[in-house]
Every structure is written in structure tokens, then in C-alpha cells.
Amino acid sequence: MLYPFTFRPILKSVIWGGADICPFKGITPVQKGIGESWEVSHVEGNVSVVENGSLAGKSLDELIQTYGKRLMGEKVVARFGNTFPLLIKFIDACDNLSIQVHPDDELARKRHNSFGKTEMWYVIKASSEAALYSGFSQQIDAEEYVKRVENNTIMDVLQRYDVNAGDVFFLPAGRVHAIGAGCFVAEIQQTSNITYRIYDYDRRDANGNGRELHTELAKDAIDYTLYPDYRTHYTRKENEKVELVSCPYFTTNLLEYDTPYKRDSSGIDSFLIYICMAGNAVIKDNNGQEINVKQGQTVLIPADTTSVEIIPSPSVKLMETYIL
């Protein structure tokens, strides 16, 4: 019988990593310089391993090979095959990350035989100076983009947002974006490791070398459409499901509850993922299997689960994600 799964976090030590991930997740001893924790991953070379229950030690890949549709859902398997379609991360930046863009499915398939990358950010914590970049602040075209990268003025046309905890940004493939210093975010994205680096603040290593830029690859991947606002707006509601993002690749809801919540998932035909942003809860499925979840944990509910009950202790904030 399948049950709610947690996975061993895959911690990434990087030069720009901060100090928030370990305390947030309750990992001791605290390691500094951890920039990412991959919570659920089917990326080659970084495949998650089950942490709990009778299947502890099995990889996500083994689960998919053995349980397929029971784990992911019939329509999810029909669409994505034996690839788990989402990658769940926490990202903690103490320095500005490079300006990036990701290709869509069509371009990624043609160039890399890969899925594209549409993603979203939920800001968990932000310093007083923290900012995120998403989209353009004025209309430019491909030619101007190339010139601005070459003369180091691309930042002048990017939309910068001061951010606070609870802010949400949806980043469809093609949208130029970057995480700024002081941002600690949860990221939900398509399973893809294709990133085109547009600009890296002209930073140099000890030998005077800059990081590789993918100017030409990015030129054809960028969506140059100018939008009035790139932030995702929503109204927080206690004890009520609040939709944050709904797109072809994932639907994400925010749940802030201090009373029990019963979730009928029988009509979804998809796994459910719960990312615990704060508090504690017991998650109990229709077969009587239950798991205690606390801040910093991510739980995968198999698709053959027809309902779950979330019992806060005494309150909990969760992001719920699935594929429609």
C-alpha cells in the first residue's frame, strides 16, 4: 500500500548560499552556504530518495517504475511518461543570482531533448533590502537585448520588485528573472535543468574570467511582451483554500488552517504535494495512513489516494500543488 512520502533533502552548497535553509528545516548541525534544498526531484543525478515508511531508501525513480499511475496519476503518466514532472526546491540567496531565462517545451525539446521550465516563487523570508527581478520595465526587442547585454545595461530594463514574506511570482518559460540577495523562497518548477544565463553583473573570478553567458540561446527563448505587473496578487484567507497559480504545468494553492481540513482528491487524477511553510499538522489519508509534517518538510501524496485530512497542531501553512 502506498502512503504519504517524505524524501531526504538534497542540499546544495554554493558560493551564494545563505544560512536559512538548515534552521528552517530543523537540520542540525546548521550548515552555512546552503543555497538550495531539493525536496522532490527526478532530475538525473539528483533523484530523491524516500525518507519514511516501508519504502525508505527507494528512489523516486524506483517508485515510478514500480507504481507508475498509482503514484503519479493516469493522465500525468500519459503526458509526462516515466518522468516525475515537478521539481520542488527551497532557495536561499545571500548574493544576487544571475539574470536568467528558461526555454519553453518546444524550444527545449528541439535543442536539448528536455522539458522546458515554467516555475513559481513563494517568498518565505526577505531581508529589508531584498528584491526579485521579473520581466521587463520597458519594451525592448531581441536586437536591443543583445546590445544591452554587451554594454552591461540590461539591468536598466528589468523590472525590480522589493519583496516581503508571502509574495508570489509566476514565471512562465520565456520570462527573464532573477533572485536577489536576501531572498529565501520556495520554488515549484517543471522537471528541467535548462537555464540560459543572460547576465552575471560582470562578476569576475580570481583569474579575471566571467561566467559563461548564453546570449544567443536566450535571445530566441525570451518573451519580449511587456506586462503592466509581473507580481501574482492574491488575498490571504484563513481556513480556506486560496489559489495562487493555475497553469498547464501545475496548480498551487495556499492553505492557512487552524481547524481540520478534508481534501477530496478523487477527481484530480494527480499526486498532491504539500510544502509546509510554517506550523505543524498531521496529514491522514483515506486508508488511515498518516504522517506528521512540520515546517520545512515536503510531503508527496500518491495519486491513488482519494482524500486526505489535514489536522493542524495548532496551526499550519501549506502550499498544495498538483497537475490538472
C-alpha atoms as a PDB file:
ATOM      1  CA  MET A   1       0.000   0.000   0.000  1.00  0.00           C
ATOM      2  CA  LEU A   2       1.315   3.436  -0.904  1.00  0.00           C
ATOM      3  CA  TYR A   3       1.393   6.154   1.741  1.00  0.00           C
ATOM      4  CA  PRO A   4       2.403   9.833   2.143  1.00  0.00           C
ATOM      5  CA  PHE A   5       6.112  10.135   1.312  1.00  0.00           C
ATOM      6  CA  THR A   6       8.858  12.420   2.532  1.00  0.00           C
ATOM      7  CA  PHE A   7      12.272  12.455   0.877  1.00  0.00           C
ATOM      8  CA  ARG A   8      15.809  13.105   2.030  1.00  0.00           C
ATOM      9  CA  PRO A   9      16.638  16.721   1.193  1.00  0.00           C
ATOM     10  CA  ILE A  10      19.344  17.182  -1.431  1.00  0.00           C
ATOM     11  CA  LEU A  11      21.357  20.104  -0.050  1.00  0.00           C
ATOM     12  CA  LYS A  12      23.391  22.228  -2.463  1.00  0.00           C
ATOM     13  CA  SER A  13      26.411  24.076  -1.106  1.00  0.00           C
ATOM     14  CA  VAL A  14      27.102  27.084  -3.342  1.00  0.00           C
ATOM     15  CA  ILE A  15      29.103  30.311  -3.149  1.00  0.00           C
ATOM     16  CA  TRP A  16      25.928  32.430  -2.996  1.00  0.00           C
ATOM     17  CA  GLY A  17      24.156  30.250  -0.414  1.00  0.00           C
ATOM     18  CA  GLY A  18      22.790  31.748   2.788  1.00  0.00           C
ATOM     19  CA  ALA A  19      22.189  30.443   6.310  1.00  0.00           C
ATOM     20  CA  ASP A  20      18.401  29.999   6.466  1.00  0.00           C
ATOM     21  CA  ILE A  21      17.683  26.587   4.956  1.00  0.00           C
ATOM     22  CA  CYS A  22      19.026  24.398   7.778  1.00  0.00           C
ATOM     23  CA  PRO A  23      17.265  26.280  10.607  1.00  0.00           C
ATOM     24  CA  PHE A  24      14.042  26.448   8.576  1.00  0.00           C
ATOM     25  CA  LYS A  25      14.116  22.710   8.016  1.00  0.00           C
ATOM     26  CA  GLY A  26      15.363  21.855  11.513  1.00  0.00           C
ATOM     27  CA  ILE A  27      18.608  20.351  10.190  1.00  0.00           C
ATOM     28  CA  THR A  28      21.490  20.168  12.686  1.00  0.00           C
ATOM     29  CA  PRO A  29      24.299  20.929  12.795  1.00  0.00           C
ATOM     30  CA  VAL A  30      23.494  24.068  10.818  1.00  0.00           C
ATOM     31  CA  GLN A  31      25.465  24.268   7.596  1.00  0.00           C
ATOM     32  CA  LYS A  32      26.112  27.691   6.118  1.00  0.00           C
ATOM     33  CA  GLY A  33      26.393  28.323   2.394  1.00  0.00           C
ATOM     34  CA  ILE A  34      23.481  26.031   1.541  1.00  0.00           C
ATOM     35  CA  GLY A  35      21.817  27.745  -1.406  1.00  0.00           C
ATOM     36  CA  GLU A  36      19.239  25.107  -2.299  1.00  0.00           C
ATOM     37  CA  SER A  37      17.406  22.161  -0.820  1.00  0.00           C
ATOM     38  CA  TRP A  38      15.856  19.945  -3.477  1.00  0.00           C
ATOM     39  CA  GLU A  39      12.807  18.480  -1.780  1.00  0.00           C
ATOM     40  CA  VAL A  40      11.300  16.354  -4.554  1.00  0.00           C
ATOM     41  CA  SER A  41      13.465  15.779  -7.612  1.00  0.00           C
ATOM     42  CA  HIS A  42      13.585  13.464 -10.610  1.00  0.00           C
ATOM     43  CA  VAL A  43      16.448  15.359 -12.250  1.00  0.00           C
ATOM     44  CA  GLU A  44      19.150  12.982 -13.469  1.00  0.00           C
ATOM     45  CA  GLY A  45      21.964  12.817 -10.938  1.00  0.00           C
ATOM     46  CA  ASN A  46      19.736  14.365  -8.252  1.00  0.00           C
ATOM     47  CA  VAL A  47      16.933  11.855  -7.771  1.00  0.00           C
ATOM     48  CA  SER A  48      15.114  11.998  -4.430  1.00  0.00           C
ATOM     49  CA  VAL A  49      15.237   9.053  -2.021  1.00  0.00           C
ATOM     50  CA  VAL A  50      12.332   8.114   0.274  1.00  0.00           C
ATOM     51  CA  GLU A  51      12.965   9.023   3.904  1.00  0.00           C
ATOM     52  CA  ASN A  52       9.986   7.436   5.694  1.00  0.00           C
ATOM     53  CA  GLY A  53       7.965   4.239   5.949  1.00  0.00           C
ATOM     54  CA  SER A  54       8.371   0.766   4.489  1.00  0.00           C
ATOM     55  CA  LEU A  55       9.791   2.088   1.187  1.00  0.00           C
ATOM     56  CA  ALA A  56      12.537   4.165   2.851  1.00  0.00           C
ATOM     57  CA  GLY A  57      15.715   4.020   0.787  1.00  0.00           C
ATOM     58  CA  LYS A  58      13.868   3.599  -2.519  1.00  0.00           C
ATOM     59  CA  SER A  59      14.458   6.317  -5.091  1.00  0.00           C
ATOM     60  CA  LEU A  60      11.683   8.338  -6.689  1.00  0.00           C
ATOM     61  CA  ASP A  61      12.686   6.668  -9.937  1.00  0.00           C
ATOM     62  CA  GLU A  62      12.124   3.222  -8.404  1.00  0.00           C
ATOM     63  CA  LEU A  63       8.725   4.316  -7.129  1.00  0.00           C
ATOM     64  CA  ILE A  64       7.738   5.467 -10.615  1.00  0.00           C
ATOM     65  CA  GLN A  65       8.968   2.269 -12.252  1.00  0.00           C
ATOM     66  CA  THR A  66       7.056   0.113  -9.752  1.00  0.00           C
ATOM     67  CA  TYR A  67       3.900   2.126  -9.112  1.00  0.00           C
ATOM     68  CA  GLY A  68       3.629   4.442 -12.136  1.00  0.00           C
ATOM     69  CA  LYS A  69      -0.002   5.550 -12.470  1.00  0.00           C
ATOM     70  CA  ARG A  70      -0.803   4.752  -8.826  1.00  0.00           C
ATOM     71  CA  LEU A  71       1.858   7.230  -7.776  1.00  0.00           C
ATOM     72  CA  MET A  72       1.530   9.957 -10.398  1.00  0.00           C
ATOM     73  CA  GLY A  73      -1.949   9.565 -11.927  1.00  0.00           C
ATOM     74  CA  GLU A  74      -3.067   8.094 -15.215  1.00  0.00           C
ATOM     75  CA  LYS A  75      -3.249  11.351 -17.128  1.00  0.00           C
ATOM     76  CA  VAL A  76       0.068  12.560 -15.687  1.00  0.00           C
ATOM     77  CA  VAL A  77       1.814   9.398 -16.919  1.00  0.00           C
ATOM     78  CA  ALA A  78       0.098   9.728 -20.309  1.00  0.00           C
ATOM     79  CA  ARG A  79       1.505  13.246 -20.615  1.00  0.00           C
ATOM     80  CA  PHE A  80       4.938  13.008 -18.999  1.00  0.00           C
ATOM     81  CA  GLY A  81       5.766   9.304 -19.259  1.00  0.00           C
ATOM     82  CA  ASN A  82       8.058   7.969 -16.551  1.00  0.00           C
ATOM     83  CA  THR A  83       9.339  11.414 -15.595  1.00  0.00           C
ATOM     84  CA  PHE A  84       8.068  12.989 -12.391  1.00  0.00           C
ATOM     85  CA  PRO A  85       7.009  16.363 -13.810  1.00  0.00           C
ATOM     86  CA  LEU A  86       7.785  18.738 -10.928  1.00  0.00           C
ATOM     87  CA  LEU A  87      10.897  19.790  -9.028  1.00  0.00           C
ATOM     88  CA  ILE A  88      10.345  21.303  -5.564  1.00  0.00           C
ATOM     89  CA  LYS A  89      13.093  23.450  -4.020  1.00  0.00           C
ATOM     90  CA  PHE A  90      13.916  25.892  -1.270  1.00  0.00           C
ATOM     91  CA  ILE A  91      16.382  28.590  -2.408  1.00  0.00           C
ATOM     92  CA  ASP A  92      18.308  30.898  -0.061  1.00  0.00           C
ATOM     93  CA  ALA A  93      20.430  33.608  -1.679  1.00  0.00           C
ATOM     94  CA  CYS A  94      22.910  35.790   0.206  1.00  0.00           C
ATOM     95  CA  ASP A  95      24.128  37.244  -3.100  1.00  0.00           C
ATOM     96  CA  ASN A  96      22.399  38.193  -6.339  1.00  0.00           C
ATOM     97  CA  LEU A  97      21.813  35.237  -8.637  1.00  0.00           C
ATOM     98  CA  SER A  98      22.448  35.680 -12.339  1.00  0.00           C
ATOM     99  CA  ILE A  99      19.747  37.022 -14.664  1.00  0.00           C
ATOM    100  CA  GLN A 100      18.225  34.003 -16.410  1.00  0.00           C
ATOM    101  CA  VAL A 101      15.574  32.745 -18.773  1.00  0.00           C
ATOM    102  CA  HIS A 102      14.286  29.235 -19.465  1.00  0.00           C
ATOM    103  CA  PRO A 103      13.067  27.858 -22.798  1.00  0.00           C
ATOM    104  CA  ASP A 104       9.533  26.578 -23.318  1.00  0.00           C
ATOM    105  CA  ASP A 105       8.729  22.931 -24.066  1.00  0.00           C
ATOM    106  CA  GLU A 106       9.007  23.316 -27.828  1.00  0.00           C
ATOM    107  CA  LEU A 107      12.414  25.008 -27.803  1.00  0.00           C
ATOM    108  CA  ALA A 108      13.794  22.790 -25.011  1.00  0.00           C
ATOM    109  CA  ARG A 109      12.703  19.651 -26.839  1.00  0.00           C
ATOM    110  CA  LYS A 110      14.291  20.827 -30.093  1.00  0.00           C
ATOM    111  CA  ARG A 111      17.577  21.945 -28.555  1.00  0.00           C
ATOM    112  CA  HIS A 112      18.048  19.696 -25.531  1.00  0.00           C
ATOM    113  CA  ASN A 113      15.508  16.850 -25.768  1.00  0.00           C
ATOM    114  CA  SER A 114      14.156  18.165 -22.471  1.00  0.00           C
ATOM    115  CA  PHE A 115      11.047  19.678 -20.976  1.00  0.00           C
ATOM    116  CA  GLY A 116      11.002  23.462 -20.756  1.00  0.00           C
ATOM    117  CA  LYS A 117      10.824  25.267 -17.452  1.00  0.00           C
ATOM    118  CA  THR A 118       7.858  27.189 -16.138  1.00  0.00           C
ATOM    119  CA  GLU A 119       8.128  27.933 -12.422  1.00  0.00           C
ATOM    120  CA  MET A 120       6.848  29.964  -9.490  1.00  0.00           C
ATOM    121  CA  TRP A 121       8.308  31.531  -6.350  1.00  0.00           C
ATOM    122  CA  TYR A 122       6.759  31.939  -2.921  1.00  0.00           C
ATOM    123  CA  VAL A 123       8.798  34.263  -0.689  1.00  0.00           C
ATOM    124  CA  ILE A 124       9.310  32.674   2.734  1.00  0.00           C
ATOM    125  CA  LYS A 125      11.578  35.340   4.160  1.00  0.00           C
ATOM    126  CA  ALA A 126      13.173  38.519   2.842  1.00  0.00           C
ATOM    127  CA  SER A 127      15.723  40.956   4.216  1.00  0.00           C
ATOM    128  CA  SER A 128      14.883  44.663   4.246  1.00  0.00           C
ATOM    129  CA  GLU A 129      16.854  45.184   1.026  1.00  0.00           C
ATOM    130  CA  ALA A 130      15.691  42.023  -0.751  1.00  0.00           C
ATOM    131  CA  ALA A 131      14.421  42.176  -4.314  1.00  0.00           C
ATOM    132  CA  LEU A 132      13.400  39.903  -7.154  1.00  0.00           C
ATOM    133  CA  TYR A 133      13.560  40.618 -10.872  1.00  0.00           C
ATOM    134  CA  SER A 134      10.764  39.510 -13.168  1.00  0.00           C
ATOM    135  CA  GLY A 135      10.067  40.706 -16.693  1.00  0.00           C
ATOM    136  CA  PHE A 136      10.930  43.971 -18.438  1.00  0.00           C
ATOM    137  CA  SER A 137      10.296  47.521 -17.259  1.00  0.00           C
ATOM    138  CA  GLN A 138      10.086  48.874 -20.817  1.00  0.00           C
ATOM    139  CA  GLN A 139       9.551  47.446 -24.271  1.00  0.00           C
ATOM    140  CA  ILE A 140      12.667  46.075 -25.943  1.00  0.00           C
ATOM    141  CA  ASP A 141      13.276  43.685 -28.816  1.00  0.00           C
ATOM    142  CA  ALA A 142      15.846  40.955 -29.474  1.00  0.00           C
ATOM    143  CA  GLU A 143      18.315  43.361 -31.069  1.00  0.00           C
ATOM    144  CA  GLU A 144      18.242  45.788 -28.156  1.00  0.00           C
ATOM    145  CA  TYR A 145      18.528  42.873 -25.709  1.00  0.00           C
ATOM    146  CA  VAL A 146      21.814  41.744 -27.315  1.00  0.00           C
ATOM    147  CA  LYS A 147      23.222  45.281 -27.291  1.00  0.00           C
ATOM    148  CA  ARG A 148      22.310  45.814 -23.646  1.00  0.00           C
ATOM    149  CA  VAL A 149      23.954  42.556 -22.587  1.00  0.00           C
ATOM    150  CA  GLU A 150      27.102  43.567 -24.460  1.00  0.00           C
ATOM    151  CA  ASN A 151      27.271  47.043 -22.898  1.00  0.00           C
ATOM    152  CA  ASN A 152      26.175  45.969 -19.386  1.00  0.00           C
ATOM    153  CA  THR A 153      22.905  47.942 -19.368  1.00  0.00           C
ATOM    154  CA  ILE A 154      20.427  45.038 -19.396  1.00  0.00           C
ATOM    155  CA  MET A 155      19.616  45.694 -15.713  1.00  0.00           C
ATOM    156  CA  ASP A 156      18.228  49.120 -16.702  1.00  0.00           C
ATOM    157  CA  VAL A 157      15.263  47.494 -18.462  1.00  0.00           C
ATOM    158  CA  LEU A 158      14.427  44.729 -15.955  1.00  0.00           C
ATOM    159  CA  GLN A 159      11.501  45.092 -13.570  1.00  0.00           C
ATOM    160  CA  ARG A 160      12.739  45.080  -9.963  1.00  0.00           C
ATOM    161  CA  TYR A 161      10.415  44.279  -7.067  1.00  0.00           C
ATOM    162  CA  ASP A 162      11.056  44.883  -3.384  1.00  0.00           C
ATOM    163  CA  VAL A 163       9.650  41.784  -1.724  1.00  0.00           C
ATOM    164  CA  ASN A 164       8.213  40.595   1.575  1.00  0.00           C
ATOM    165  CA  ALA A 165       7.279  37.222   3.003  1.00  0.00           C
ATOM    166  CA  GLY A 166       4.193  35.876   1.252  1.00  0.00           C
ATOM    167  CA  ASP A 167       4.866  37.475  -2.130  1.00  0.00           C
ATOM    168  CA  VAL A 168       4.273  35.225  -5.143  1.00  0.00           C
ATOM    169  CA  PHE A 169       5.694  35.371  -8.665  1.00  0.00           C
ATOM    170  CA  PHE A 170       4.650  33.156 -11.554  1.00  0.00           C
ATOM    171  CA  LEU A 171       7.428  32.717 -14.113  1.00  0.00           C
ATOM    172  CA  PRO A 172       6.272  31.143 -17.367  1.00  0.00           C
ATOM    173  CA  ALA A 173       9.021  29.881 -19.660  1.00  0.00           C
ATOM    174  CA  GLY A 174      10.469  32.837 -21.557  1.00  0.00           C
ATOM    175  CA  ARG A 175      10.226  35.361 -18.717  1.00  0.00           C
ATOM    176  CA  VAL A 176      13.529  36.964 -17.743  1.00  0.00           C
ATOM    177  CA  HIS A 177      14.046  36.736 -13.985  1.00  0.00           C
ATOM    178  CA  ALA A 178      16.492  36.597 -11.074  1.00  0.00           C
ATOM    179  CA  ILE A 179      16.536  36.078  -7.321  1.00  0.00           C
ATOM    180  CA  GLY A 180      18.230  38.922  -5.466  1.00  0.00           C
ATOM    181  CA  ALA A 181      20.353  38.854  -2.324  1.00  0.00           C
ATOM    182  CA  GLY A 182      18.388  38.368   0.897  1.00  0.00           C
ATOM    183  CA  CYS A 183      15.601  36.282  -0.630  1.00  0.00           C
ATOM    184  CA  PHE A 184      14.560  32.900   0.773  1.00  0.00           C
ATOM    185  CA  VAL A 185      11.942  31.300  -1.470  1.00  0.00           C
ATOM    186  CA  ALA A 186      10.118  28.088  -2.197  1.00  0.00           C
ATOM    187  CA  GLU A 187      10.239  27.241  -5.896  1.00  0.00           C
ATOM    188  CA  ILE A 188       7.933  24.944  -7.841  1.00  0.00           C
ATOM    189  CA  GLN A 189       9.079  24.211 -11.377  1.00  0.00           C
ATOM    190  CA  GLN A 190       8.914  21.792 -14.242  1.00  0.00           C
ATOM    191  CA  THR A 191      11.461  18.991 -14.115  1.00  0.00           C
ATOM    192  CA  SER A 192      14.144  20.595 -16.232  1.00  0.00           C
ATOM    193  CA  ASN A 193      17.680  21.758 -15.623  1.00  0.00           C
ATOM    194  CA  ILE A 194      17.889  24.001 -18.708  1.00  0.00           C
ATOM    195  CA  THR A 195      18.884  27.562 -17.806  1.00  0.00           C
ATOM    196  CA  TYR A 196      20.190  30.296 -20.097  1.00  0.00           C
ATOM    197  CA  ARG A 197      22.343  32.799 -18.237  1.00  0.00           C
ATOM    198  CA  ILE A 198      21.768  36.299 -19.574  1.00  0.00           C
ATOM    199  CA  TYR A 199      23.833  38.484 -17.273  1.00  0.00           C
ATOM    200  CA  ASP A 200      26.017  37.978 -14.203  1.00  0.00           C
ATOM    201  CA  TYR A 201      26.675  41.584 -13.111  1.00  0.00           C
ATOM    202  CA  ASP A 202      30.036  41.427 -14.939  1.00  0.00           C
ATOM    203  CA  ARG A 203      31.434  39.463 -11.974  1.00  0.00           C
ATOM    204  CA  ARG A 204      34.931  38.018 -12.365  1.00  0.00           C
ATOM    205  CA  ASP A 205      36.694  35.129 -10.678  1.00  0.00           C
ATOM    206  CA  ALA A 206      40.226  35.273  -9.202  1.00  0.00           C
ATOM    207  CA  ASN A 207      41.647  34.826 -12.693  1.00  0.00           C
ATOM    208  CA  GLY A 208      39.578  37.640 -14.143  1.00  0.00           C
ATOM    209  CA  ASN A 209      37.205  35.332 -16.006  1.00  0.00           C
ATOM    210  CA  GLY A 210      33.471  35.946 -16.201  1.00  0.00           C
ATOM    211  CA  ARG A 211      30.872  33.179 -16.156  1.00  0.00           C
ATOM    212  CA  GLU A 212      29.618  31.869 -19.466  1.00  0.00           C
ATOM    213  CA  LEU A 213      26.637  33.746 -20.879  1.00  0.00           C
ATOM    214  CA  HIS A 214      24.105  32.203 -23.257  1.00  0.00           C
ATOM    215  CA  THR A 215      23.237  35.397 -25.114  1.00  0.00           C
ATOM    216  CA  GLU A 216      22.247  33.844 -28.443  1.00  0.00           C
ATOM    217  CA  LEU A 217      20.401  30.862 -26.958  1.00  0.00           C
ATOM    218  CA  ALA A 218      18.461  33.195 -24.662  1.00  0.00           C
ATOM    219  CA  LYS A 219      17.611  35.637 -27.460  1.00  0.00           C
ATOM    220  CA  ASP A 220      15.174  33.196 -29.065  1.00  0.00           C
ATOM    221  CA  ALA A 221      13.834  31.935 -25.722  1.00  0.00           C
ATOM    222  CA  ILE A 222      12.824  35.311 -24.261  1.00  0.00           C
ATOM    223  CA  ASP A 223       9.225  36.515 -24.269  1.00  0.00           C
ATOM    224  CA  TYR A 224       9.611  40.241 -25.019  1.00  0.00           C
ATOM    225  CA  THR A 225       5.955  41.030 -24.229  1.00  0.00           C
ATOM    226  CA  LEU A 226       5.672  43.941 -21.789  1.00  0.00           C
ATOM    227  CA  TYR A 227       3.165  43.437 -18.970  1.00  0.00           C
ATOM    228  CA  PRO A 228       1.978  46.098 -16.505  1.00  0.00           C
ATOM    229  CA  ASP A 229       2.668  43.898 -13.462  1.00  0.00           C
ATOM    230  CA  TYR A 230       4.582  40.643 -13.055  1.00  0.00           C
ATOM    231  CA  ARG A 231       3.641  40.001  -9.432  1.00  0.00           C
ATOM    232  CA  THR A 232       0.923  37.464  -8.613  1.00  0.00           C
ATOM    233  CA  HIS A 233      -1.803  39.033  -6.491  1.00  0.00           C
ATOM    234  CA  TYR A 234      -3.971  37.072  -4.079  1.00  0.00           C
ATOM    235  CA  THR A 235      -5.937  37.627  -0.884  1.00  0.00           C
ATOM    236  CA  ARG A 236      -4.988  35.591   2.176  1.00  0.00           C
ATOM    237  CA  LYS A 237      -7.860  33.785   3.863  1.00  0.00           C
ATOM    238  CA  GLU A 238      -7.725  31.668   6.986  1.00  0.00           C
ATOM    239  CA  ASN A 239      -9.294  28.216   6.898  1.00  0.00           C
ATOM    240  CA  GLU A 240      -9.960  28.478   3.180  1.00  0.00           C
ATOM    241  CA  LYS A 241      -8.070  27.269   0.125  1.00  0.00           C
ATOM    242  CA  VAL A 242      -6.574  30.179  -1.852  1.00  0.00           C
ATOM    243  CA  GLU A 243      -5.421  29.625  -5.429  1.00  0.00           C
ATOM    244  CA  LEU A 244      -2.024  31.155  -6.180  1.00  0.00           C
ATOM    245  CA  VAL A 245      -1.195  29.774  -9.629  1.00  0.00           C
ATOM    246  CA  SER A 246      -3.012  27.647 -12.167  1.00  0.00           C
ATOM    247  CA  CYS A 247      -1.183  26.770 -15.368  1.00  0.00           C
ATOM    248  CA  PRO A 248      -0.819  23.710 -17.602  1.00  0.00           C
ATOM    249  CA  TYR A 249       2.174  22.501 -15.577  1.00  0.00           C
ATOM    250  CA  PHE A 250       0.913  22.878 -12.015  1.00  0.00           C
ATOM    251  CA  THR A 251      -1.830  24.316  -9.843  1.00  0.00           C
ATOM    252  CA  THR A 252      -0.753  25.699  -6.470  1.00  0.00           C
ATOM    253  CA  ASN A 253      -2.971  26.676  -3.547  1.00  0.00           C
ATOM    254  CA  LEU A 254      -2.157  28.274  -0.202  1.00  0.00           C
ATOM    255  CA  LEU A 255      -3.707  26.690   2.894  1.00  0.00           C
ATOM    256  CA  GLU A 256      -3.559  28.514   6.233  1.00  0.00           C
ATOM    257  CA  TYR A 257      -5.589  26.490   8.716  1.00  0.00           C
ATOM    258  CA  ASP A 258      -6.147  26.181  12.439  1.00  0.00           C
ATOM    259  CA  THR A 259      -9.110  23.806  12.025  1.00  0.00           C
ATOM    260  CA  PRO A 260      -9.151  20.353  10.361  1.00  0.00           C
ATOM    261  CA  TYR A 261      -9.423  20.377   6.569  1.00  0.00           C
ATOM    262  CA  LYS A 262     -10.757  17.483   4.487  1.00  0.00           C
ATOM    263  CA  ARG A 263      -9.458  17.368   0.924  1.00  0.00           C
ATOM    264  CA  ASP A 264     -11.296  15.215  -1.624  1.00  0.00           C
ATOM    265  CA  SER A 265      -8.718  14.404  -4.308  1.00  0.00           C
ATOM    266  CA  SER A 266     -10.659  11.631  -6.054  1.00  0.00           C
ATOM    267  CA  GLY A 267     -11.334  13.696  -9.172  1.00  0.00           C
ATOM    268  CA  ILE A 268      -7.843  15.089  -9.722  1.00  0.00           C
ATOM    269  CA  ASP A 269      -6.002  12.029 -11.143  1.00  0.00           C
ATOM    270  CA  SER A 270      -2.709  13.511  -9.943  1.00  0.00           C
ATOM    271  CA  PHE A 271      -0.374  13.276  -6.989  1.00  0.00           C
ATOM    272  CA  LEU A 272      -0.608  16.032  -4.381  1.00  0.00           C
ATOM    273  CA  ILE A 273       2.427  17.769  -2.907  1.00  0.00           C
ATOM    274  CA  TYR A 274       2.238  19.620   0.400  1.00  0.00           C
ATOM    275  CA  ILE A 275       5.080  22.011   1.273  1.00  0.00           C
ATOM    276  CA  CYS A 276       4.930  23.043   4.924  1.00  0.00           C
ATOM    277  CA  MET A 277       5.806  26.717   5.189  1.00  0.00           C
ATOM    278  CA  ALA A 278       5.025  27.128   8.909  1.00  0.00           C
ATOM    279  CA  GLY A 279       3.498  25.258  11.818  1.00  0.00           C
ATOM    280  CA  ASN A 280       2.666  21.587  12.231  1.00  0.00           C
ATOM    281  CA  ALA A 281      -0.052  19.183  11.130  1.00  0.00           C
ATOM    282  CA  VAL A 282      -0.988  15.550  10.808  1.00  0.00           C
ATOM    283  CA  ILE A 283      -1.895  14.503   7.265  1.00  0.00           C
ATOM    284  CA  LYS A 284      -4.089  11.395   7.204  1.00  0.00           C
ATOM    285  CA  ASP A 285      -5.163   9.622   4.006  1.00  0.00           C
ATOM    286  CA  ASN A 286      -8.320   7.637   3.240  1.00  0.00           C
ATOM    287  CA  ASN A 287      -6.507   4.358   4.064  1.00  0.00           C
ATOM    288  CA  GLY A 288      -5.714   5.523   7.588  1.00  0.00           C
ATOM    289  CA  GLN A 289      -2.026   6.165   6.782  1.00  0.00           C
ATOM    290  CA  GLU A 290      -0.793   9.313   8.471  1.00  0.00           C
ATOM    291  CA  ILE A 291       2.283  11.474   8.691  1.00  0.00           C
ATOM    292  CA  ASN A 292       3.319  14.329  10.946  1.00  0.00           C
ATOM    293  CA  VAL A 293       4.507  17.291   8.918  1.00  0.00           C
ATOM    294  CA  LYS A 294       6.390  20.305  10.222  1.00  0.00           C
ATOM    295  CA  GLN A 295       7.879  23.500   8.845  1.00  0.00           C
ATOM    296  CA  GLY A 296      10.375  22.848   6.063  1.00  0.00           C
ATOM    297  CA  GLN A 297       9.056  19.405   5.135  1.00  0.00           C
ATOM    298  CA  THR A 298       7.548  18.402   1.801  1.00  0.00           C
ATOM    299  CA  VAL A 299       5.084  15.507   1.513  1.00  0.00           C
ATOM    300  CA  LEU A 300       4.103  13.632  -1.655  1.00  0.00           C
ATOM    301  CA  ILE A 301       0.597  12.120  -1.615  1.00  0.00           C
ATOM    302  CA  PRO A 302       0.194   9.337  -4.223  1.00  0.00           C
ATOM    303  CA  ALA A 303      -2.443   9.764  -6.926  1.00  0.00           C
ATOM    304  CA  ASP A 304      -4.388   6.682  -5.838  1.00  0.00           C
ATOM    305  CA  THR A 305      -5.223   8.460  -2.567  1.00  0.00           C
ATOM    306  CA  THR A 306      -8.839   9.615  -2.795  1.00  0.00           C
ATOM    307  CA  SER A 307      -8.845  12.015   0.153  1.00  0.00           C
ATOM    308  CA  VAL A 308      -6.680  13.435   2.896  1.00  0.00           C
ATOM    309  CA  GLU A 309      -7.490  15.116   6.172  1.00  0.00           C
ATOM    310  CA  ILE A 310      -5.134  17.812   7.423  1.00  0.00           C
ATOM    311  CA  ILE A 311      -5.257  18.280  11.187  1.00  0.00           C
ATOM    312  CA  PRO A 312      -3.290  21.392  12.282  1.00  0.00           C
ATOM    313  CA  SER A 313      -1.384  21.379  15.569  1.00  0.00           C
ATOM    314  CA  PRO A 314      -2.392  24.073  16.425  1.00  0.00           C
ATOM    315  CA  SER A 315      -1.995  25.823  13.055  1.00  0.00           C
ATOM    316  CA  VAL A 316      -0.268  25.197   9.750  1.00  0.00           C
ATOM    317  CA  LYS A 317       0.594  26.961   6.498  1.00  0.00           C
ATOM    318  CA  LEU A 318       0.913  24.678   3.485  1.00  0.00           C
ATOM    319  CA  MET A 319       1.341  25.067  -0.251  1.00  0.00           C
ATOM    320  CA  GLU A 320      -0.614  22.408  -2.123  1.00  0.00           C
ATOM    321  CA  THR A 321       0.477  21.534  -5.661  1.00  0.00           C
ATOM    322  CA  TYR A 322      -0.848  19.113  -8.277  1.00  0.00           C
ATOM    323  CA  ILE A 323      -1.384  18.814 -12.028  1.00  0.00           C
ATOM    324  CA  LEU A 324      -4.822  19.341 -13.549  1.00  0.00           C
END
